[in-house]
Amino acid sequence: MVTIIREHDRLKRIAALRAVGEVNDGMILGLGSGSTVGFVLQALAARVKKGLQIQGIPTSGKTANLAERFGIPLTDFAAHRHIDLAIDGADEVERGTLHLIKGGGGALLREKIVAAASRKMIVVIDESKLVDRLGTHVPLPIEITSFGWQTILDRLTEAGMRPKLRKSGNRPFVTDGGNYIADCATAGIPDPVALEKSLAGIVGVIESGIFIASASTIIVGGADGVMLLEKVA
């Protein structure tokens, strides 16, 4: 198991290095969340130390803390309404469509806001995250209000989902926005576009972890090196 984890990390690292190679001087960057982004921040920090002038908008408190520790300058939407490039990870990427499932780190709402504000989004993964159908290996995270969360889980169940409230120890996991997350097991999502629209109609659902056509480029770290998957216009 340790060997497998180390190999996944190695593949994430080489993909992260390729992504950071797309960063140009003067850019405003969207900084995603999760383990893969840690490798992105390390590579970005190395370039900043060599004189790269950038500012980042983090998608989570954890990312903000790590970026500050690495000496990466940060900013926010009050100063910059648009982002030149966002770099993030994903829990699953669907081959062909490049639709994503995100939110395993609990920052899906902020990640989606940053993605929507970005001119380009690069997603960095290792090859194990590529799937033929979303929801094959990971549950679908759905951010919900803390008020009435029990009733929202009931509505999700009625919609055919199998929700489970995410916990942190014995208490509900709380997002940076003060919300809860319902992780919904699926047997695969045949129509992510339709499901995203359906979930948006449930009162109390704030956002789902389905990202439709958000990524411009998927950078995949694999045993044979780095592979690029591009969104077809």
C-alpha atoms as a PDB file:
ATOM      1  CA  MET A   1       0.000   0.000   0.000  1.00  0.00           C
ATOM      2  CA  VAL A   2       2.809   2.422   0.882  1.00  0.00           C
ATOM      3  CA  THR A   3       4.480   1.709  -2.467  1.00  0.00           C
ATOM      4  CA  ILE A   4       1.232   2.447  -4.342  1.00  0.00           C
ATOM      5  CA  ILE A   5       0.727   5.745  -2.481  1.00  0.00           C
ATOM      6  CA  ARG A   6       4.295   6.814  -3.204  1.00  0.00           C
ATOM      7  CA  GLU A   7       3.841   6.009  -6.895  1.00  0.00           C
ATOM      8  CA  HIS A   8       0.619   8.052  -7.031  1.00  0.00           C
ATOM      9  CA  ASP A   9       2.460  10.950  -5.412  1.00  0.00           C
ATOM     10  CA  ARG A  10       5.280  10.663  -7.927  1.00  0.00           C
ATOM     11  CA  LEU A  11       2.821  10.798 -10.813  1.00  0.00           C
ATOM     12  CA  LYS A  12       1.007  13.776  -9.271  1.00  0.00           C
ATOM     13  CA  ARG A  13       4.319  15.572  -8.843  1.00  0.00           C
ATOM     14  CA  ILE A  14       5.383  15.229 -12.473  1.00  0.00           C
ATOM     15  CA  ALA A  15       1.947  16.368 -13.628  1.00  0.00           C
ATOM     16  CA  ALA A  16       2.086  19.333 -11.222  1.00  0.00           C
ATOM     17  CA  LEU A  17       5.471  20.388 -12.619  1.00  0.00           C
ATOM     18  CA  ARG A  18       4.022  20.367 -16.140  1.00  0.00           C
ATOM     19  CA  ALA A  19       1.053  22.483 -15.023  1.00  0.00           C
ATOM     20  CA  VAL A  20       3.215  25.076 -13.300  1.00  0.00           C
ATOM     21  CA  GLY A  21       5.174  25.369 -16.539  1.00  0.00           C
ATOM     22  CA  GLU A  22       2.051  27.045 -17.990  1.00  0.00           C
ATOM     23  CA  VAL A  23       2.243  29.906 -15.475  1.00  0.00           C
ATOM     24  CA  ASN A  24       3.483  33.229 -16.847  1.00  0.00           C
ATOM     25  CA  ASP A  25       4.743  36.343 -15.110  1.00  0.00           C
ATOM     26  CA  GLY A  26       2.009  38.682 -13.884  1.00  0.00           C
ATOM     27  CA  MET A  27      -0.756  36.070 -13.751  1.00  0.00           C
ATOM     28  CA  ILE A  28      -3.549  35.928 -11.210  1.00  0.00           C
ATOM     29  CA  LEU A  29      -3.857  32.248 -10.333  1.00  0.00           C
ATOM     30  CA  GLY A  30      -6.686  30.212  -8.875  1.00  0.00           C
ATOM     31  CA  LEU A  31      -5.178  27.783  -6.373  1.00  0.00           C
ATOM     32  CA  GLY A  32      -7.221  24.644  -5.848  1.00  0.00           C
ATOM     33  CA  SER A  33      -7.401  22.322  -2.870  1.00  0.00           C
ATOM     34  CA  GLY A  34      -6.333  18.775  -2.102  1.00  0.00           C
ATOM     35  CA  SER A  35      -3.201  16.649  -2.036  1.00  0.00           C
ATOM     36  CA  THR A  36      -2.301  17.212  -5.684  1.00  0.00           C
ATOM     37  CA  VAL A  37      -2.335  20.979  -5.239  1.00  0.00           C
ATOM     38  CA  GLY A  38       0.314  20.604  -2.560  1.00  0.00           C
ATOM     39  CA  PHE A  39       2.723  19.523  -5.284  1.00  0.00           C
ATOM     40  CA  VAL A  40       1.577  22.443  -7.455  1.00  0.00           C
ATOM     41  CA  LEU A  41       2.304  24.910  -4.648  1.00  0.00           C
ATOM     42  CA  GLN A  42       5.766  23.437  -4.074  1.00  0.00           C
ATOM     43  CA  ALA A  43       6.638  23.802  -7.758  1.00  0.00           C
ATOM     44  CA  LEU A  44       5.123  27.292  -7.887  1.00  0.00           C
ATOM     45  CA  ALA A  45       7.053  28.386  -4.812  1.00  0.00           C
ATOM     46  CA  ALA A  46      10.314  27.346  -6.461  1.00  0.00           C
ATOM     47  CA  ARG A  47       9.561  29.622  -9.416  1.00  0.00           C
ATOM     48  CA  VAL A  48       8.495  32.491  -7.149  1.00  0.00           C
ATOM     49  CA  LYS A  49      11.863  32.275  -5.369  1.00  0.00           C
ATOM     50  CA  LYS A  50      13.512  32.688  -8.773  1.00  0.00           C
ATOM     51  CA  GLY A  51      11.572  35.899  -9.446  1.00  0.00           C
ATOM     52  CA  LEU A  52       8.198  34.855 -10.879  1.00  0.00           C
ATOM     53  CA  GLN A  53       5.643  37.585 -10.154  1.00  0.00           C
ATOM     54  CA  ILE A  54       2.183  36.104  -9.546  1.00  0.00           C
ATOM     55  CA  GLN A  55      -0.695  36.334  -7.069  1.00  0.00           C
ATOM     56  CA  GLY A  56      -2.973  33.500  -6.053  1.00  0.00           C
ATOM     57  CA  ILE A  57      -6.599  33.248  -4.984  1.00  0.00           C
ATOM     58  CA  PRO A  58      -6.904  30.135  -2.774  1.00  0.00           C
ATOM     59  CA  THR A  59     -10.006  27.951  -2.685  1.00  0.00           C
ATOM     60  CA  SER A  60      -9.626  26.929   0.953  1.00  0.00           C
ATOM     61  CA  GLY A  61      -8.084  27.997   4.216  1.00  0.00           C
ATOM     62  CA  LYS A  62      -5.757  25.022   4.046  1.00  0.00           C
ATOM     63  CA  THR A  63      -4.470  26.080   0.629  1.00  0.00           C
ATOM     64  CA  ALA A  64      -4.081  29.674   1.826  1.00  0.00           C
ATOM     65  CA  ASN A  65      -2.029  28.558   4.822  1.00  0.00           C
ATOM     66  CA  LEU A  66       0.197  26.328   2.721  1.00  0.00           C
ATOM     67  CA  ALA A  67       0.712  29.036   0.077  1.00  0.00           C
ATOM     68  CA  GLU A  68       1.678  31.575   2.724  1.00  0.00           C
ATOM     69  CA  ARG A  69       4.111  29.085   4.254  1.00  0.00           C
ATOM     70  CA  PHE A  70       5.717  28.618   0.833  1.00  0.00           C
ATOM     71  CA  GLY A  71       5.956  32.368   0.254  1.00  0.00           C
ATOM     72  CA  ILE A  72       3.373  32.554  -2.545  1.00  0.00           C
ATOM     73  CA  PRO A  73       1.675  35.991  -2.639  1.00  0.00           C
ATOM     74  CA  LEU A  74      -2.107  35.880  -2.227  1.00  0.00           C
ATOM     75  CA  THR A  75      -4.948  38.156  -3.247  1.00  0.00           C
ATOM     76  CA  ASP A  76      -8.758  37.958  -3.438  1.00  0.00           C
ATOM     77  CA  PHE A  77     -11.794  38.761  -5.566  1.00  0.00           C
ATOM     78  CA  ALA A  78     -12.098  42.220  -4.015  1.00  0.00           C
ATOM     79  CA  ALA A  79      -8.896  43.140  -5.856  1.00  0.00           C
ATOM     80  CA  HIS A  80      -9.290  40.909  -8.949  1.00  0.00           C
ATOM     81  CA  ARG A  81     -12.582  39.844 -10.501  1.00  0.00           C
ATOM     82  CA  HIS A  82     -10.987  37.581 -13.098  1.00  0.00           C
ATOM     83  CA  ILE A  83      -8.416  34.807 -12.876  1.00  0.00           C
ATOM     84  CA  ASP A  84      -5.947  34.123 -15.675  1.00  0.00           C
ATOM     85  CA  LEU A  85      -5.363  30.466 -14.834  1.00  0.00           C
ATOM     86  CA  ALA A  86      -6.712  28.063 -12.218  1.00  0.00           C
ATOM     87  CA  ILE A  87      -4.809  24.907 -11.308  1.00  0.00           C
ATOM     88  CA  ASP A  88      -6.640  22.242  -9.347  1.00  0.00           C
ATOM     89  CA  GLY A  89      -6.962  18.507  -8.858  1.00  0.00           C
ATOM     90  CA  ALA A  90      -9.951  16.183  -9.267  1.00  0.00           C
ATOM     91  CA  ASP A  91     -11.308  13.024  -7.690  1.00  0.00           C
ATOM     92  CA  GLU A  92     -12.427  11.642 -11.063  1.00  0.00           C
ATOM     93  CA  VAL A  93     -12.155  12.745 -14.700  1.00  0.00           C
ATOM     94  CA  GLU A  94     -14.477  11.263 -17.299  1.00  0.00           C
ATOM     95  CA  ARG A  95     -12.711  10.289 -20.497  1.00  0.00           C
ATOM     96  CA  GLY A  96     -14.076  11.961 -23.600  1.00  0.00           C
ATOM     97  CA  THR A  97     -16.160  14.661 -21.910  1.00  0.00           C
ATOM     98  CA  LEU A  98     -13.553  15.763 -19.331  1.00  0.00           C
ATOM     99  CA  HIS A  99     -16.375  16.252 -16.811  1.00  0.00           C
ATOM    100  CA  LEU A 100     -15.115  16.080 -13.230  1.00  0.00           C
ATOM    101  CA  ILE A 101     -16.054  15.038  -9.738  1.00  0.00           C
ATOM    102  CA  LYS A 102     -14.439  17.296  -7.141  1.00  0.00           C
ATOM    103  CA  GLY A 103     -14.975  18.001  -3.479  1.00  0.00           C
ATOM    104  CA  GLY A 104     -13.135  15.205  -1.738  1.00  0.00           C
ATOM    105  CA  GLY A 105     -11.238  17.888   0.160  1.00  0.00           C
ATOM    106  CA  GLY A 106     -14.425  19.708   1.082  1.00  0.00           C
ATOM    107  CA  ALA A 107     -13.850  22.899  -0.945  1.00  0.00           C
ATOM    108  CA  LEU A 108     -16.101  22.246  -3.935  1.00  0.00           C
ATOM    109  CA  LEU A 109     -18.161  25.464  -3.731  1.00  0.00           C
ATOM    110  CA  ARG A 110     -15.132  27.739  -3.678  1.00  0.00           C
ATOM    111  CA  GLU A 111     -13.422  25.605  -6.318  1.00  0.00           C
ATOM    112  CA  LYS A 112     -16.419  26.022  -8.601  1.00  0.00           C
ATOM    113  CA  ILE A 113     -16.513  29.789  -8.038  1.00  0.00           C
ATOM    114  CA  VAL A 114     -12.822  30.029  -8.922  1.00  0.00           C
ATOM    115  CA  ALA A 115     -13.287  27.804 -11.977  1.00  0.00           C
ATOM    116  CA  ALA A 116     -16.144  29.992 -13.220  1.00  0.00           C
ATOM    117  CA  ALA A 117     -14.018  33.129 -12.839  1.00  0.00           C
ATOM    118  CA  SER A 118     -11.014  31.658 -14.674  1.00  0.00           C
ATOM    119  CA  ARG A 119     -10.101  32.166 -18.303  1.00  0.00           C
ATOM    120  CA  LYS A 120      -8.440  28.748 -18.286  1.00  0.00           C
ATOM    121  CA  MET A 121      -8.418  25.829 -15.868  1.00  0.00           C
ATOM    122  CA  ILE A 122      -5.822  23.078 -15.713  1.00  0.00           C
ATOM    123  CA  VAL A 123      -6.627  19.940 -13.737  1.00  0.00           C
ATOM    124  CA  VAL A 124      -3.740  17.835 -12.479  1.00  0.00           C
ATOM    125  CA  ILE A 125      -4.274  14.129 -11.746  1.00  0.00           C
ATOM    126  CA  ASP A 126      -2.545  10.791 -11.745  1.00  0.00           C
ATOM    127  CA  GLU A 127      -3.850   8.188 -14.200  1.00  0.00           C
ATOM    128  CA  SER A 128      -5.889   6.336 -11.553  1.00  0.00           C
ATOM    129  CA  LYS A 129      -8.414   9.225 -11.595  1.00  0.00           C
ATOM    130  CA  LEU A 130      -9.440   8.620 -15.236  1.00  0.00           C
ATOM    131  CA  VAL A 131     -12.782   6.806 -15.535  1.00  0.00           C
ATOM    132  CA  ASP A 132     -15.225   5.924 -18.279  1.00  0.00           C
ATOM    133  CA  ARG A 133     -18.150   7.108 -16.146  1.00  0.00           C
ATOM    134  CA  LEU A 134     -18.223   9.527 -13.215  1.00  0.00           C
ATOM    135  CA  GLY A 135     -19.160   8.095  -9.843  1.00  0.00           C
ATOM    136  CA  THR A 136     -17.452   4.795 -10.551  1.00  0.00           C
ATOM    137  CA  HIS A 137     -14.907   4.883  -7.748  1.00  0.00           C
ATOM    138  CA  VAL A 138     -15.746   7.868  -5.527  1.00  0.00           C
ATOM    139  CA  PRO A 139     -18.938   9.251  -3.981  1.00  0.00           C
ATOM    140  CA  LEU A 140     -20.379  12.511  -5.273  1.00  0.00           C
ATOM    141  CA  PRO A 141     -19.920  15.322  -2.718  1.00  0.00           C
ATOM    142  CA  ILE A 142     -22.838  17.721  -2.381  1.00  0.00           C
ATOM    143  CA  GLU A 143     -22.529  20.878  -0.281  1.00  0.00           C
ATOM    144  CA  ILE A 144     -25.694  21.523   1.723  1.00  0.00           C
ATOM    145  CA  THR A 145     -26.913  23.952   4.363  1.00  0.00           C
ATOM    146  CA  SER A 146     -26.360  22.987   7.981  1.00  0.00           C
ATOM    147  CA  PHE A 147     -29.900  24.096   8.830  1.00  0.00           C
ATOM    148  CA  GLY A 148     -32.318  21.277   8.096  1.00  0.00           C
ATOM    149  CA  TRP A 149     -29.609  18.969   6.814  1.00  0.00           C
ATOM    150  CA  GLN A 150     -31.655  15.931   7.842  1.00  0.00           C
ATOM    151  CA  THR A 151     -34.488  16.932   5.504  1.00  0.00           C
ATOM    152  CA  ILE A 152     -32.033  17.615   2.683  1.00  0.00           C
ATOM    153  CA  LEU A 153     -30.623  14.106   3.017  1.00  0.00           C
ATOM    154  CA  ASP A 154     -34.205  12.831   2.804  1.00  0.00           C
ATOM    155  CA  ARG A 155     -34.725  14.755  -0.454  1.00  0.00           C
ATOM    156  CA  LEU A 156     -31.484  13.402  -1.872  1.00  0.00           C
ATOM    157  CA  THR A 157     -32.569   9.873  -0.995  1.00  0.00           C
ATOM    158  CA  GLU A 158     -35.914  10.453  -2.721  1.00  0.00           C
ATOM    159  CA  ALA A 159     -33.952  11.621  -5.780  1.00  0.00           C
ATOM    160  CA  GLY A 160     -32.236   8.225  -5.948  1.00  0.00           C
ATOM    161  CA  MET A 161     -29.005   9.202  -4.218  1.00  0.00           C
ATOM    162  CA  ARG A 162     -27.460   7.393  -1.252  1.00  0.00           C
ATOM    163  CA  PRO A 163     -26.269  10.291   0.904  1.00  0.00           C
ATOM    164  CA  LYS A 164     -24.103  10.104   3.985  1.00  0.00           C
ATOM    165  CA  LEU A 165     -23.252  13.153   6.049  1.00  0.00           C
ATOM    166  CA  ARG A 166     -19.501  13.710   6.052  1.00  0.00           C
ATOM    167  CA  LYS A 167     -18.006  13.680   9.547  1.00  0.00           C
ATOM    168  CA  SER A 168     -14.878  15.072  11.151  1.00  0.00           C
ATOM    169  CA  GLY A 169     -14.448  12.859  14.155  1.00  0.00           C
ATOM    170  CA  ASN A 170     -17.834  12.662  15.862  1.00  0.00           C
ATOM    171  CA  ARG A 171     -19.080  15.967  14.460  1.00  0.00           C
ATOM    172  CA  PRO A 172     -20.248  17.005  10.989  1.00  0.00           C
ATOM    173  CA  PHE A 173     -17.505  18.191   8.662  1.00  0.00           C
ATOM    174  CA  VAL A 174     -17.883  21.948   8.160  1.00  0.00           C
ATOM    175  CA  THR A 175     -16.693  23.666   4.978  1.00  0.00           C
ATOM    176  CA  ASP A 176     -14.901  27.021   4.919  1.00  0.00           C
ATOM    177  CA  GLY A 177     -18.297  28.508   4.071  1.00  0.00           C
ATOM    178  CA  GLY A 178     -19.922  27.020   7.172  1.00  0.00           C
ATOM    179  CA  ASN A 179     -21.869  24.338   5.303  1.00  0.00           C
ATOM    180  CA  TYR A 180     -22.093  20.539   5.495  1.00  0.00           C
ATOM    181  CA  ILE A 181     -21.284  17.935   2.848  1.00  0.00           C
ATOM    182  CA  ALA A 182     -23.348  14.913   1.870  1.00  0.00           C
ATOM    183  CA  ASP A 183     -21.284  12.234   0.149  1.00  0.00           C
ATOM    184  CA  CYS A 184     -23.564  10.348  -2.213  1.00  0.00           C
ATOM    185  CA  ALA A 185     -22.651   6.864  -3.368  1.00  0.00           C
ATOM    186  CA  THR A 186     -23.629   6.100  -6.947  1.00  0.00           C
ATOM    187  CA  ALA A 187     -23.312   3.142  -9.260  1.00  0.00           C
ATOM    188  CA  GLY A 188     -22.037   5.530 -11.915  1.00  0.00           C
ATOM    189  CA  ILE A 189     -23.585   8.715 -13.287  1.00  0.00           C
ATOM    190  CA  PRO A 190     -24.908   8.153 -16.819  1.00  0.00           C
ATOM    191  CA  ASP A 191     -25.845  11.813 -17.410  1.00  0.00           C
ATOM    192  CA  PRO A 192     -23.811  14.259 -15.285  1.00  0.00           C
ATOM    193  CA  VAL A 193     -25.361  17.315 -16.958  1.00  0.00           C
ATOM    194  CA  ALA A 194     -28.916  16.231 -16.129  1.00  0.00           C
ATOM    195  CA  LEU A 195     -27.981  15.220 -12.585  1.00  0.00           C
ATOM    196  CA  GLU A 196     -26.293  18.546 -11.875  1.00  0.00           C
ATOM    197  CA  LYS A 197     -29.418  20.409 -12.988  1.00  0.00           C
ATOM    198  CA  SER A 198     -31.664  18.107 -10.952  1.00  0.00           C
ATOM    199  CA  LEU A 199     -29.620  18.548  -7.765  1.00  0.00           C
ATOM    200  CA  ALA A 200     -29.675  22.334  -8.166  1.00  0.00           C
ATOM    201  CA  GLY A 201     -33.463  22.189  -7.840  1.00  0.00           C
ATOM    202  CA  ILE A 202     -33.389  20.643  -4.357  1.00  0.00           C
ATOM    203  CA  VAL A 203     -33.909  23.256  -1.645  1.00  0.00           C
ATOM    204  CA  GLY A 204     -30.909  23.323   0.694  1.00  0.00           C
ATOM    205  CA  VAL A 205     -28.441  22.024  -1.884  1.00  0.00           C
ATOM    206  CA  ILE A 206     -25.840  24.733  -2.384  1.00  0.00           C
ATOM    207  CA  GLU A 207     -23.633  23.083  -4.998  1.00  0.00           C
ATOM    208  CA  SER A 208     -22.670  19.658  -6.283  1.00  0.00           C
ATOM    209  CA  GLY A 209     -19.228  18.271  -6.977  1.00  0.00           C
ATOM    210  CA  ILE A 210     -20.052  17.736 -10.658  1.00  0.00           C
ATOM    211  CA  PHE A 211     -17.954  20.085 -12.793  1.00  0.00           C
ATOM    212  CA  ILE A 212     -19.252  20.196 -16.356  1.00  0.00           C
ATOM    213  CA  ALA A 213     -16.682  21.135 -19.022  1.00  0.00           C
ATOM    214  CA  SER A 214     -14.790  23.317 -16.536  1.00  0.00           C
ATOM    215  CA  ALA A 215     -11.279  22.154 -17.390  1.00  0.00           C
ATOM    216  CA  SER A 216      -9.485  23.399 -20.482  1.00  0.00           C
ATOM    217  CA  THR A 217      -6.694  20.859 -20.046  1.00  0.00           C
ATOM    218  CA  ILE A 218      -6.240  17.703 -17.994  1.00  0.00           C
ATOM    219  CA  ILE A 219      -2.605  16.908 -17.207  1.00  0.00           C
ATOM    220  CA  VAL A 220      -2.278  13.225 -16.379  1.00  0.00           C
ATOM    221  CA  GLY A 221       0.767  11.768 -14.688  1.00  0.00           C
ATOM    222  CA  GLY A 222       1.164   8.193 -15.852  1.00  0.00           C
ATOM    223  CA  ALA A 223       3.657   5.350 -15.888  1.00  0.00           C
ATOM    224  CA  ASP A 224       4.723   6.393 -19.397  1.00  0.00           C
ATOM    225  CA  GLY A 225       5.071  10.085 -18.529  1.00  0.00           C
ATOM    226  CA  VAL A 226       2.752  13.060 -18.830  1.00  0.00           C
ATOM    227  CA  MET A 227      -0.338  12.983 -21.051  1.00  0.00           C
ATOM    228  CA  LEU A 228      -2.437  16.032 -21.954  1.00  0.00           C
ATOM    229  CA  LEU A 229      -6.183  15.827 -22.564  1.00  0.00           C
ATOM    230  CA  GLU A 230      -7.671  18.931 -24.165  1.00  0.00           C
ATOM    231  CA  LYS A 231     -11.268  20.138 -24.204  1.00  0.00           C
ATOM    232  CA  VAL A 232     -12.648  20.131 -27.738  1.00  0.00           C
ATOM    233  CA  ALA A 233     -14.203  23.508 -28.581  1.00  0.00           C
END
